[in-house]
Amino acid sequence: MKAVAIKAFGGPEGLAVVDLPDPVPAAGQVLITTEAIGVGGVDAVIRSGALAAYGFREGHVPGGEVAGTVTAVGDGVDPAWTGRRVWASTGTGGGCAEQVTAPVAEVLPLPAGLSAVAAVTIGSSSVVAHFGLAHARFATGESVLVRGAAGSIGIAAVQFAAQGGAGAVAVTTSSAERGALLRGLGATHVLDRSGEGGEDAPAGYDVVIDVVAGADMPSFFDRLLPNGRLVVVGAVGGQPPADFGTTLMAAFQRSLSFATFSSATVPVADRQTVRNEHFAAAARGELRTVVHEVLPLEQAVRAHRKMDAGEVFGRIVLTP
């Protein structure tokens, strides 16, 4: 089968299409012939080599979520899965291929009316946004700032905050054009990447959902109201400064909180329940799926170049 592998860490040119043996589902797994493969920010971070210390090696096949049709099942899996159109999580890799295996616990049937492309646009990101807001203890009437709102996680967070009755939903983004698109999804104020600007924008926020992290993260503590909470749900901008805690301590009397959030800490059954609700909402048109571009698997390098250049609004999807 055809797959995309990281032949050399670094830029997108380190990706290559390779031939790999067809996978065979182990006990508790299903085999899926893919129709759509989501390309996420974590794929680009892994490709860069930034996470090599966590065990990623050259030869790794990126891709954490796919949608397609189950073509075989392993021992202990109900044969009724065969032939069903599904979404599946492949964990930290393995998804950029014509065929993938996934634990049946991480597989969901697709509802009628939801395409494979739409499913991989929200399958992982909407869960991060949903539970990230919950981790921040977001409540109706509170103001929310989504930092890095143009990606799939940010787009979902904007929608959930607006649907949850936020008093204000501000976003940071790189252009007026993107700001207009985000307003159409529920944003009430558009700021630049530093958090400045925005006509009549709130002076501060109860919650900041940060998809970026990076060197400028500490400056967003200054955007928090007393008792405000900043939750980092992604790090596409890299690690924050090692001494960022000093900024929090300097604001001691404002009782600010900082947290990270990974959906890996949410039980699989809870993730699947919420994901199923999101798929149903998307099929009804109540949750918007934003696809930047659909490219063939062989153009994975082009997809990653677009991501590295900051051109992507929503999600890029690969199709075998």
C-alpha atoms as a PDB file:
ATOM      1  CA  MET A   1       0.000   0.000   0.000  1.00  0.00           C
ATOM      2  CA  LYS A   2       0.991   3.649  -0.402  1.00  0.00           C
ATOM      3  CA  ALA A   3       1.791   5.696   2.705  1.00  0.00           C
ATOM      4  CA  VAL A   4       3.559   8.943   3.604  1.00  0.00           C
ATOM      5  CA  ALA A   5       6.566   8.624   5.888  1.00  0.00           C
ATOM      6  CA  ILE A   6       9.024  11.031   7.477  1.00  0.00           C
ATOM      7  CA  LYS A   7      12.271  10.150   5.728  1.00  0.00           C
ATOM      8  CA  ALA A   8      14.166  13.031   7.364  1.00  0.00           C
ATOM      9  CA  PHE A   9      13.163  15.341  10.199  1.00  0.00           C
ATOM     10  CA  GLY A  10      12.947  19.033   9.345  1.00  0.00           C
ATOM     11  CA  GLY A  11      10.993  20.719   6.579  1.00  0.00           C
ATOM     12  CA  PRO A  12       8.128  19.293   4.521  1.00  0.00           C
ATOM     13  CA  GLU A  13      10.591  18.036   1.897  1.00  0.00           C
ATOM     14  CA  GLY A  14      11.523  15.309   4.398  1.00  0.00           C
ATOM     15  CA  LEU A  15       8.193  13.596   3.700  1.00  0.00           C
ATOM     16  CA  ALA A  16       8.011  10.905   1.024  1.00  0.00           C
ATOM     17  CA  VAL A  17       5.484   8.480  -0.418  1.00  0.00           C
ATOM     18  CA  VAL A  18       6.590   4.917   0.331  1.00  0.00           C
ATOM     19  CA  ASP A  19       5.344   1.391  -0.256  1.00  0.00           C
ATOM     20  CA  LEU A  20       4.541  -0.524   2.927  1.00  0.00           C
ATOM     21  CA  PRO A  21       3.057  -3.963   3.536  1.00  0.00           C
ATOM     22  CA  ASP A  22      -0.710  -4.050   3.893  1.00  0.00           C
ATOM     23  CA  PRO A  23      -1.528  -3.966   7.633  1.00  0.00           C
ATOM     24  CA  VAL A  24      -3.357  -6.794   9.366  1.00  0.00           C
ATOM     25  CA  PRO A  25      -5.704  -6.006  12.275  1.00  0.00           C
ATOM     26  CA  ALA A  26      -4.598  -7.440  15.605  1.00  0.00           C
ATOM     27  CA  ALA A  27      -6.990  -8.565  18.308  1.00  0.00           C
ATOM     28  CA  GLY A  28      -9.334  -5.719  19.198  1.00  0.00           C
ATOM     29  CA  GLN A  29      -8.558  -3.787  16.017  1.00  0.00           C
ATOM     30  CA  VAL A  30     -10.269  -3.062  12.709  1.00  0.00           C
ATOM     31  CA  LEU A  31      -8.722  -2.507   9.293  1.00  0.00           C
ATOM     32  CA  ILE A  32      -9.907   0.611   7.454  1.00  0.00           C
ATOM     33  CA  THR A  33      -9.538   1.521   3.803  1.00  0.00           C
ATOM     34  CA  THR A  34      -9.183   5.280   4.084  1.00  0.00           C
ATOM     35  CA  GLU A  35     -11.248   7.874   2.248  1.00  0.00           C
ATOM     36  CA  ALA A  36      -9.996  10.954   4.118  1.00  0.00           C
ATOM     37  CA  ILE A  37      -7.013  11.709   6.346  1.00  0.00           C
ATOM     38  CA  GLY A  38      -6.857  14.757   8.613  1.00  0.00           C
ATOM     39  CA  VAL A  39      -3.619  16.772   8.664  1.00  0.00           C
ATOM     40  CA  GLY A  40      -3.138  18.376  12.073  1.00  0.00           C
ATOM     41  CA  GLY A  41      -0.680  20.743  13.691  1.00  0.00           C
ATOM     42  CA  VAL A  42       0.830  17.939  15.742  1.00  0.00           C
ATOM     43  CA  ASP A  43       1.783  16.159  12.499  1.00  0.00           C
ATOM     44  CA  ALA A  44       3.879  19.163  11.491  1.00  0.00           C
ATOM     45  CA  VAL A  45       5.496  19.350  14.933  1.00  0.00           C
ATOM     46  CA  ILE A  46       6.400  15.636  14.817  1.00  0.00           C
ATOM     47  CA  ARG A  47       7.737  16.027  11.256  1.00  0.00           C
ATOM     48  CA  SER A  48       9.977  18.899  12.347  1.00  0.00           C
ATOM     49  CA  GLY A  49      11.792  16.623  14.776  1.00  0.00           C
ATOM     50  CA  ALA A  50      10.800  18.696  17.799  1.00  0.00           C
ATOM     51  CA  LEU A  51       9.348  15.623  19.506  1.00  0.00           C
ATOM     52  CA  ALA A  52      12.156  13.181  18.703  1.00  0.00           C
ATOM     53  CA  ALA A  53      12.968  13.014  22.405  1.00  0.00           C
ATOM     54  CA  TYR A  54       9.537  11.444  22.937  1.00  0.00           C
ATOM     55  CA  GLY A  55      10.389   8.415  20.827  1.00  0.00           C
ATOM     56  CA  PHE A  56       9.464   9.533  17.312  1.00  0.00           C
ATOM     57  CA  ARG A  57      11.926   8.279  14.725  1.00  0.00           C
ATOM     58  CA  GLU A  58      12.553   8.818  11.027  1.00  0.00           C
ATOM     59  CA  GLY A  59      10.341   6.434   9.079  1.00  0.00           C
ATOM     60  CA  HIS A  60       7.339   7.401  11.189  1.00  0.00           C
ATOM     61  CA  VAL A  61       4.030   7.585   9.311  1.00  0.00           C
ATOM     62  CA  PRO A  62       2.160  10.701  10.543  1.00  0.00           C
ATOM     63  CA  GLY A  63      -1.601  11.161  10.731  1.00  0.00           C
ATOM     64  CA  GLY A  64      -3.812  10.735  13.777  1.00  0.00           C
ATOM     65  CA  GLU A  65      -7.327  10.503  12.355  1.00  0.00           C
ATOM     66  CA  VAL A  66      -8.948   8.931   9.321  1.00  0.00           C
ATOM     67  CA  ALA A  67     -12.350   8.131   7.892  1.00  0.00           C
ATOM     68  CA  GLY A  68     -13.194   5.314   5.548  1.00  0.00           C
ATOM     69  CA  THR A  69     -14.674   1.837   5.360  1.00  0.00           C
ATOM     70  CA  VAL A  70     -13.911  -1.124   7.619  1.00  0.00           C
ATOM     71  CA  THR A  71     -12.675  -3.994   5.454  1.00  0.00           C
ATOM     72  CA  ALA A  72     -11.580  -6.537   8.088  1.00  0.00           C
ATOM     73  CA  VAL A  73     -11.637  -7.072  11.849  1.00  0.00           C
ATOM     74  CA  GLY A  74      -9.272  -8.704  14.311  1.00  0.00           C
ATOM     75  CA  ASP A  75     -10.016 -11.332  16.913  1.00  0.00           C
ATOM     76  CA  GLY A  76     -12.647 -10.351  19.430  1.00  0.00           C
ATOM     77  CA  VAL A  77     -14.225  -7.666  17.226  1.00  0.00           C
ATOM     78  CA  ASP A  78     -17.837  -7.950  16.090  1.00  0.00           C
ATOM     79  CA  PRO A  79     -17.813  -8.865  12.360  1.00  0.00           C
ATOM     80  CA  ALA A  80     -20.763  -6.484  11.913  1.00  0.00           C
ATOM     81  CA  TRP A  81     -18.204  -3.655  11.732  1.00  0.00           C
ATOM     82  CA  THR A  82     -17.143  -4.907   8.298  1.00  0.00           C
ATOM     83  CA  GLY A  83     -18.460  -2.670   5.540  1.00  0.00           C
ATOM     84  CA  ARG A  84     -19.328   0.243   7.826  1.00  0.00           C
ATOM     85  CA  ARG A  85     -18.195   3.799   7.113  1.00  0.00           C
ATOM     86  CA  VAL A  86     -16.325   5.035  10.157  1.00  0.00           C
ATOM     87  CA  TRP A  87     -14.093   7.660  11.716  1.00  0.00           C
ATOM     88  CA  ALA A  88     -11.083   6.415  13.677  1.00  0.00           C
ATOM     89  CA  SER A  89      -8.242   7.725  15.793  1.00  0.00           C
ATOM     90  CA  THR A  90      -4.866   6.167  15.009  1.00  0.00           C
ATOM     91  CA  GLY A  91      -3.155   7.865  17.946  1.00  0.00           C
ATOM     92  CA  THR A  92       0.094   9.715  17.257  1.00  0.00           C
ATOM     93  CA  GLY A  93       0.590   8.339  13.765  1.00  0.00           C
ATOM     94  CA  GLY A  94      -0.111   5.765  11.107  1.00  0.00           C
ATOM     95  CA  GLY A  95      -3.010   7.574   9.440  1.00  0.00           C
ATOM     96  CA  CYS A  96      -1.330   8.827   6.247  1.00  0.00           C
ATOM     97  CA  ALA A  97      -1.839   5.596   4.355  1.00  0.00           C
ATOM     98  CA  GLU A  98      -4.263   3.823   2.058  1.00  0.00           C
ATOM     99  CA  GLN A  99      -5.048   1.327   4.825  1.00  0.00           C
ATOM    100  CA  VAL A 100      -4.783   1.695   8.588  1.00  0.00           C
ATOM    101  CA  THR A 101      -5.563  -0.281  11.704  1.00  0.00           C
ATOM    102  CA  ALA A 102      -7.202   1.208  14.782  1.00  0.00           C
ATOM    103  CA  PRO A 103      -8.495  -0.081  18.125  1.00  0.00           C
ATOM    104  CA  VAL A 104     -12.226  -0.664  17.843  1.00  0.00           C
ATOM    105  CA  ALA A 105     -12.693   1.477  20.987  1.00  0.00           C
ATOM    106  CA  GLU A 106     -11.379   4.444  18.974  1.00  0.00           C
ATOM    107  CA  VAL A 107     -13.763   3.889  16.038  1.00  0.00           C
ATOM    108  CA  LEU A 108     -17.159   5.513  15.471  1.00  0.00           C
ATOM    109  CA  PRO A 109     -19.685   4.923  12.697  1.00  0.00           C
ATOM    110  CA  LEU A 110     -20.373   7.985  10.554  1.00  0.00           C
ATOM    111  CA  PRO A 111     -23.935   9.305  10.631  1.00  0.00           C
ATOM    112  CA  ALA A 112     -25.836   9.656   7.391  1.00  0.00           C
ATOM    113  CA  GLY A 113     -25.151  13.016   5.826  1.00  0.00           C
ATOM    114  CA  LEU A 114     -21.622  13.420   7.217  1.00  0.00           C
ATOM    115  CA  SER A 115     -18.840  13.008   4.677  1.00  0.00           C
ATOM    116  CA  ALA A 116     -15.491  11.410   5.420  1.00  0.00           C
ATOM    117  CA  VAL A 117     -13.786  14.774   4.763  1.00  0.00           C
ATOM    118  CA  ALA A 118     -16.050  16.558   7.247  1.00  0.00           C
ATOM    119  CA  ALA A 119     -15.486  13.857   9.853  1.00  0.00           C
ATOM    120  CA  VAL A 120     -11.689  14.264   9.911  1.00  0.00           C
ATOM    121  CA  THR A 121     -12.111  18.025  10.042  1.00  0.00           C
ATOM    122  CA  ILE A 122     -13.767  17.919  13.473  1.00  0.00           C
ATOM    123  CA  GLY A 123     -13.179  14.411  14.821  1.00  0.00           C
ATOM    124  CA  SER A 124     -10.180  15.247  17.003  1.00  0.00           C
ATOM    125  CA  SER A 125     -10.265  19.044  17.129  1.00  0.00           C
ATOM    126  CA  SER A 126     -13.824  19.437  18.367  1.00  0.00           C
ATOM    127  CA  VAL A 127     -13.143  17.124  21.304  1.00  0.00           C
ATOM    128  CA  VAL A 128     -10.075  19.169  22.296  1.00  0.00           C
ATOM    129  CA  ALA A 129     -12.083  22.400  22.076  1.00  0.00           C
ATOM    130  CA  HIS A 130     -15.039  20.997  24.039  1.00  0.00           C
ATOM    131  CA  PHE A 131     -13.047  19.541  26.906  1.00  0.00           C
ATOM    132  CA  GLY A 132     -10.545  22.412  26.824  1.00  0.00           C
ATOM    133  CA  LEU A 133     -13.339  24.871  27.603  1.00  0.00           C
ATOM    134  CA  ALA A 134     -14.586  22.542  30.331  1.00  0.00           C
ATOM    135  CA  HIS A 135     -11.043  22.346  31.752  1.00  0.00           C
ATOM    136  CA  ALA A 136     -11.071  26.153  31.897  1.00  0.00           C
ATOM    137  CA  ARG A 137     -14.386  26.004  33.823  1.00  0.00           C
ATOM    138  CA  PHE A 138     -16.004  28.220  31.192  1.00  0.00           C
ATOM    139  CA  ALA A 139     -19.493  29.377  32.248  1.00  0.00           C
ATOM    140  CA  THR A 140     -22.314  31.149  30.439  1.00  0.00           C
ATOM    141  CA  GLY A 141     -21.807  34.918  30.328  1.00  0.00           C
ATOM    142  CA  GLU A 142     -18.019  34.778  30.631  1.00  0.00           C
ATOM    143  CA  SER A 143     -15.705  36.331  28.062  1.00  0.00           C
ATOM    144  CA  VAL A 144     -13.423  34.064  26.017  1.00  0.00           C
ATOM    145  CA  LEU A 145     -10.338  34.769  23.926  1.00  0.00           C
ATOM    146  CA  VAL A 146      -9.251  32.070  21.466  1.00  0.00           C
ATOM    147  CA  ARG A 147      -5.595  32.520  20.582  1.00  0.00           C
ATOM    148  CA  GLY A 148      -4.771  31.001  17.199  1.00  0.00           C
ATOM    149  CA  ALA A 149      -8.374  30.668  16.103  1.00  0.00           C
ATOM    150  CA  ALA A 150      -7.814  29.919  12.407  1.00  0.00           C
ATOM    151  CA  GLY A 151      -7.033  26.229  12.923  1.00  0.00           C
ATOM    152  CA  SER A 152      -9.565  23.467  13.405  1.00  0.00           C
ATOM    153  CA  ILE A 153      -9.296  23.499  17.219  1.00  0.00           C
ATOM    154  CA  GLY A 154      -9.716  27.270  17.367  1.00  0.00           C
ATOM    155  CA  ILE A 155     -12.651  27.238  14.957  1.00  0.00           C
ATOM    156  CA  ALA A 156     -14.424  24.641  17.108  1.00  0.00           C
ATOM    157  CA  ALA A 157     -13.660  26.578  20.311  1.00  0.00           C
ATOM    158  CA  VAL A 158     -15.159  29.755  18.826  1.00  0.00           C
ATOM    159  CA  GLN A 159     -18.352  27.919  17.933  1.00  0.00           C
ATOM    160  CA  PHE A 160     -18.675  26.174  21.304  1.00  0.00           C
ATOM    161  CA  ALA A 161     -18.029  29.373  23.261  1.00  0.00           C
ATOM    162  CA  ALA A 162     -20.648  31.242  21.231  1.00  0.00           C
ATOM    163  CA  GLN A 163     -23.170  28.402  21.535  1.00  0.00           C
ATOM    164  CA  GLY A 164     -22.430  28.237  25.268  1.00  0.00           C
ATOM    165  CA  GLY A 165     -23.574  31.822  25.781  1.00  0.00           C
ATOM    166  CA  ALA A 166     -20.222  33.586  26.138  1.00  0.00           C
ATOM    167  CA  GLY A 167     -20.523  37.295  26.882  1.00  0.00           C
ATOM    168  CA  ALA A 168     -17.819  37.920  24.261  1.00  0.00           C
ATOM    169  CA  VAL A 169     -15.783  35.688  21.960  1.00  0.00           C
ATOM    170  CA  ALA A 170     -12.568  37.345  20.837  1.00  0.00           C
ATOM    171  CA  VAL A 171     -10.044  35.788  18.459  1.00  0.00           C
ATOM    172  CA  THR A 172      -6.477  36.444  17.442  1.00  0.00           C
ATOM    173  CA  THR A 173      -5.760  35.973  13.765  1.00  0.00           C
ATOM    174  CA  SER A 174      -3.460  37.202  11.024  1.00  0.00           C
ATOM    175  CA  SER A 175      -5.808  39.070   8.657  1.00  0.00           C
ATOM    176  CA  ALA A 176      -9.083  40.938   8.362  1.00  0.00           C
ATOM    177  CA  GLU A 177     -10.258  38.292   5.900  1.00  0.00           C
ATOM    178  CA  ARG A 178      -9.816  35.525   8.438  1.00  0.00           C
ATOM    179  CA  GLY A 179     -11.403  37.717  11.073  1.00  0.00           C
ATOM    180  CA  ALA A 180     -14.508  38.079   8.928  1.00  0.00           C
ATOM    181  CA  LEU A 181     -14.715  34.308   8.523  1.00  0.00           C
ATOM    182  CA  LEU A 182     -14.396  33.834  12.275  1.00  0.00           C
ATOM    183  CA  ARG A 183     -17.142  36.375  12.903  1.00  0.00           C
ATOM    184  CA  GLY A 184     -19.344  34.207  10.719  1.00  0.00           C
ATOM    185  CA  LEU A 185     -18.613  31.334  13.121  1.00  0.00           C
ATOM    186  CA  GLY A 186     -19.475  33.273  16.265  1.00  0.00           C
ATOM    187  CA  ALA A 187     -16.562  35.589  17.081  1.00  0.00           C
ATOM    188  CA  THR A 188     -17.573  39.021  18.358  1.00  0.00           C
ATOM    189  CA  HIS A 189     -14.158  40.713  18.365  1.00  0.00           C
ATOM    190  CA  VAL A 190     -11.129  40.278  16.100  1.00  0.00           C
ATOM    191  CA  LEU A 191      -7.638  41.014  17.434  1.00  0.00           C
ATOM    192  CA  ASP A 192      -4.201  40.821  15.874  1.00  0.00           C
ATOM    193  CA  ARG A 193      -1.770  38.076  16.801  1.00  0.00           C
ATOM    194  CA  SER A 194      -0.480  40.016  19.798  1.00  0.00           C
ATOM    195  CA  GLY A 195      -4.003  40.372  21.206  1.00  0.00           C
ATOM    196  CA  GLU A 196      -4.261  44.064  20.357  1.00  0.00           C
ATOM    197  CA  GLY A 197      -6.974  45.903  18.437  1.00  0.00           C
ATOM    198  CA  GLY A 198     -10.595  44.999  18.011  1.00  0.00           C
ATOM    199  CA  GLU A 199     -13.178  47.763  18.172  1.00  0.00           C
ATOM    200  CA  ASP A 200     -14.789  47.860  21.624  1.00  0.00           C
ATOM    201  CA  ALA A 201     -12.966  44.657  22.594  1.00  0.00           C
ATOM    202  CA  PRO A 202     -13.173  43.732  26.289  1.00  0.00           C
ATOM    203  CA  ALA A 203     -10.412  45.017  28.529  1.00  0.00           C
ATOM    204  CA  GLY A 204      -9.852  41.471  29.761  1.00  0.00           C
ATOM    205  CA  TYR A 205     -11.129  37.911  29.530  1.00  0.00           C
ATOM    206  CA  ASP A 206     -12.278  35.252  31.931  1.00  0.00           C
ATOM    207  CA  VAL A 207     -10.871  32.469  29.757  1.00  0.00           C
ATOM    208  CA  VAL A 208      -8.061  32.275  27.208  1.00  0.00           C
ATOM    209  CA  ILE A 209      -7.912  29.110  25.092  1.00  0.00           C
ATOM    210  CA  ASP A 210      -4.404  29.043  23.623  1.00  0.00           C
ATOM    211  CA  VAL A 211      -3.620  26.832  20.624  1.00  0.00           C
ATOM    212  CA  VAL A 212      -0.251  28.503  19.989  1.00  0.00           C
ATOM    213  CA  ALA A 213       1.889  28.682  23.186  1.00  0.00           C
ATOM    214  CA  GLY A 214       5.374  29.826  22.036  1.00  0.00           C
ATOM    215  CA  ALA A 215       7.458  32.798  23.101  1.00  0.00           C
ATOM    216  CA  ASP A 216       4.560  35.263  23.363  1.00  0.00           C
ATOM    217  CA  MET A 217       2.331  33.126  25.580  1.00  0.00           C
ATOM    218  CA  PRO A 218       3.184  34.933  28.871  1.00  0.00           C
ATOM    219  CA  SER A 219       1.918  38.265  27.493  1.00  0.00           C
ATOM    220  CA  PHE A 220      -1.596  36.804  27.389  1.00  0.00           C
ATOM    221  CA  PHE A 221      -1.690  36.536  31.169  1.00  0.00           C
ATOM    222  CA  ASP A 222      -2.071  40.317  30.993  1.00  0.00           C
ATOM    223  CA  ARG A 223      -5.320  39.768  29.043  1.00  0.00           C
ATOM    224  CA  LEU A 224      -6.929  37.868  31.906  1.00  0.00           C
ATOM    225  CA  LEU A 225      -9.418  39.389  34.330  1.00  0.00           C
ATOM    226  CA  PRO A 226      -9.038  38.645  38.055  1.00  0.00           C
ATOM    227  CA  ASN A 227      -9.627  34.904  38.591  1.00  0.00           C
ATOM    228  CA  GLY A 228      -9.037  34.387  34.865  1.00  0.00           C
ATOM    229  CA  ARG A 229      -7.844  31.072  33.435  1.00  0.00           C
ATOM    230  CA  LEU A 230      -5.464  30.424  30.532  1.00  0.00           C
ATOM    231  CA  VAL A 231      -5.472  26.887  29.142  1.00  0.00           C
ATOM    232  CA  VAL A 232      -2.959  25.759  26.528  1.00  0.00           C
ATOM    233  CA  VAL A 233      -4.516  23.137  24.247  1.00  0.00           C
ATOM    234  CA  GLY A 234      -1.814  23.181  21.564  1.00  0.00           C
ATOM    235  CA  ALA A 235       1.729  24.350  20.947  1.00  0.00           C
ATOM    236  CA  VAL A 236       2.007  25.030  17.218  1.00  0.00           C
ATOM    237  CA  GLY A 237       4.206  28.022  18.097  1.00  0.00           C
ATOM    238  CA  GLY A 238       6.622  25.925  20.143  1.00  0.00           C
ATOM    239  CA  GLN A 239       7.448  25.905  23.832  1.00  0.00           C
ATOM    240  CA  PRO A 240       6.870  29.005  26.001  1.00  0.00           C
ATOM    241  CA  PRO A 241       9.811  30.613  27.839  1.00  0.00           C
ATOM    242  CA  ALA A 242      11.098  28.495  30.697  1.00  0.00           C
ATOM    243  CA  ASP A 243      10.486  31.328  33.181  1.00  0.00           C
ATOM    244  CA  PHE A 244       6.878  32.106  32.162  1.00  0.00           C
ATOM    245  CA  GLY A 245       5.754  31.306  35.715  1.00  0.00           C
ATOM    246  CA  THR A 246       7.352  34.528  36.933  1.00  0.00           C
ATOM    247  CA  THR A 247       4.682  36.464  35.009  1.00  0.00           C
ATOM    248  CA  LEU A 248       1.978  34.597  36.909  1.00  0.00           C
ATOM    249  CA  MET A 249       3.663  35.243  40.238  1.00  0.00           C
ATOM    250  CA  ALA A 250       3.970  38.947  39.432  1.00  0.00           C
ATOM    251  CA  ALA A 251       0.159  39.002  39.135  1.00  0.00           C
ATOM    252  CA  PHE A 252      -0.322  37.092  42.391  1.00  0.00           C
ATOM    253  CA  GLN A 253      -3.099  39.321  43.727  1.00  0.00           C
ATOM    254  CA  ARG A 254      -5.246  38.731  40.609  1.00  0.00           C
ATOM    255  CA  SER A 255      -5.527  34.974  41.336  1.00  0.00           C
ATOM    256  CA  LEU A 256      -4.800  33.881  37.778  1.00  0.00           C
ATOM    257  CA  SER A 257      -4.656  30.219  36.753  1.00  0.00           C
ATOM    258  CA  PHE A 258      -2.634  28.394  34.104  1.00  0.00           C
ATOM    259  CA  ALA A 259      -3.192  24.872  32.830  1.00  0.00           C
ATOM    260  CA  THR A 260      -2.401  22.600  29.934  1.00  0.00           C
ATOM    261  CA  PHE A 261      -4.971  20.272  28.439  1.00  0.00           C
ATOM    262  CA  SER A 262      -4.614  17.079  26.421  1.00  0.00           C
ATOM    263  CA  SER A 263      -7.604  15.005  25.365  1.00  0.00           C
ATOM    264  CA  ALA A 264      -5.506  11.944  26.260  1.00  0.00           C
ATOM    265  CA  THR A 265      -6.531  12.560  29.870  1.00  0.00           C
ATOM    266  CA  VAL A 266     -10.225  12.126  29.022  1.00  0.00           C
ATOM    267  CA  PRO A 267     -11.510   8.529  29.194  1.00  0.00           C
ATOM    268  CA  VAL A 268     -12.016   7.021  25.733  1.00  0.00           C
ATOM    269  CA  ALA A 269     -15.725   6.406  26.359  1.00  0.00           C
ATOM    270  CA  ASP A 270     -16.266  10.068  27.289  1.00  0.00           C
ATOM    271  CA  ARG A 271     -14.382  11.260  24.217  1.00  0.00           C
ATOM    272  CA  GLN A 272     -16.447   9.004  21.987  1.00  0.00           C
ATOM    273  CA  THR A 273     -19.738  10.123  23.505  1.00  0.00           C
ATOM    274  CA  VAL A 274     -18.941  13.789  22.893  1.00  0.00           C
ATOM    275  CA  ARG A 275     -17.477  13.090  19.447  1.00  0.00           C
ATOM    276  CA  ASN A 276     -20.645  11.233  18.464  1.00  0.00           C
ATOM    277  CA  GLU A 277     -22.699  14.271  19.534  1.00  0.00           C
ATOM    278  CA  HIS A 278     -20.463  16.535  17.445  1.00  0.00           C
ATOM    279  CA  PHE A 279     -20.803  14.321  14.377  1.00  0.00           C
ATOM    280  CA  ALA A 280     -24.578  14.392  14.729  1.00  0.00           C
ATOM    281  CA  ALA A 281     -24.552  18.179  15.149  1.00  0.00           C
ATOM    282  CA  ALA A 282     -22.370  18.568  12.041  1.00  0.00           C
ATOM    283  CA  ALA A 283     -24.692  16.321  10.043  1.00  0.00           C
ATOM    284  CA  ARG A 284     -27.594  18.581  11.097  1.00  0.00           C
ATOM    285  CA  GLY A 285     -25.651  21.699  10.144  1.00  0.00           C
ATOM    286  CA  GLU A 286     -25.375  22.919  13.742  1.00  0.00           C
ATOM    287  CA  LEU A 287     -21.572  22.581  13.864  1.00  0.00           C
ATOM    288  CA  ARG A 288     -19.597  24.013  10.960  1.00  0.00           C
ATOM    289  CA  THR A 289     -16.779  21.968   9.424  1.00  0.00           C
ATOM    290  CA  VAL A 290     -14.196  24.190   7.739  1.00  0.00           C
ATOM    291  CA  VAL A 291     -12.025  22.536   5.101  1.00  0.00           C
ATOM    292  CA  HIS A 292      -9.183  24.604   3.673  1.00  0.00           C
ATOM    293  CA  GLU A 293      -8.311  22.205   0.874  1.00  0.00           C
ATOM    294  CA  VAL A 294      -8.539  18.550  -0.113  1.00  0.00           C
ATOM    295  CA  LEU A 295      -5.343  17.159  -1.645  1.00  0.00           C
ATOM    296  CA  PRO A 296      -4.290  13.708  -2.832  1.00  0.00           C
ATOM    297  CA  LEU A 297      -2.078  11.674  -0.492  1.00  0.00           C
ATOM    298  CA  GLU A 298       0.846  12.168  -2.870  1.00  0.00           C
ATOM    299  CA  GLN A 299       0.749  15.907  -2.149  1.00  0.00           C
ATOM    300  CA  ALA A 300       1.439  15.622   1.576  1.00  0.00           C
ATOM    301  CA  VAL A 301       4.554  17.784   1.128  1.00  0.00           C
ATOM    302  CA  ARG A 302       2.414  20.566  -0.341  1.00  0.00           C
ATOM    303  CA  ALA A 303      -0.048  20.237   2.546  1.00  0.00           C
ATOM    304  CA  HIS A 304       2.728  20.614   5.130  1.00  0.00           C
ATOM    305  CA  ARG A 305       4.246  23.558   3.278  1.00  0.00           C
ATOM    306  CA  LYS A 306       0.916  25.344   3.470  1.00  0.00           C
ATOM    307  CA  MET A 307       0.731  24.640   7.183  1.00  0.00           C
ATOM    308  CA  ASP A 308       4.259  25.854   7.831  1.00  0.00           C
ATOM    309  CA  ALA A 309       3.521  29.038   5.856  1.00  0.00           C
ATOM    310  CA  GLY A 310       0.434  29.765   7.959  1.00  0.00           C
ATOM    311  CA  GLU A 311      -1.838  29.622   4.928  1.00  0.00           C
ATOM    312  CA  VAL A 312      -4.382  27.161   6.312  1.00  0.00           C
ATOM    313  CA  PHE A 313      -7.783  28.251   7.598  1.00  0.00           C
ATOM    314  CA  GLY A 314      -9.533  25.207   9.005  1.00  0.00           C
ATOM    315  CA  ARG A 315      -8.080  21.833   8.042  1.00  0.00           C
ATOM    316  CA  ILE A 316      -6.275  20.308   5.117  1.00  0.00           C
ATOM    317  CA  VAL A 317      -7.473  16.810   4.243  1.00  0.00           C
ATOM    318  CA  LEU A 318      -5.598  14.183   2.246  1.00  0.00           C
ATOM    319  CA  THR A 319      -7.368  11.548   0.146  1.00  0.00           C
ATOM    320  CA  PRO A 320      -5.741   8.316  -1.135  1.00  0.00           C
END
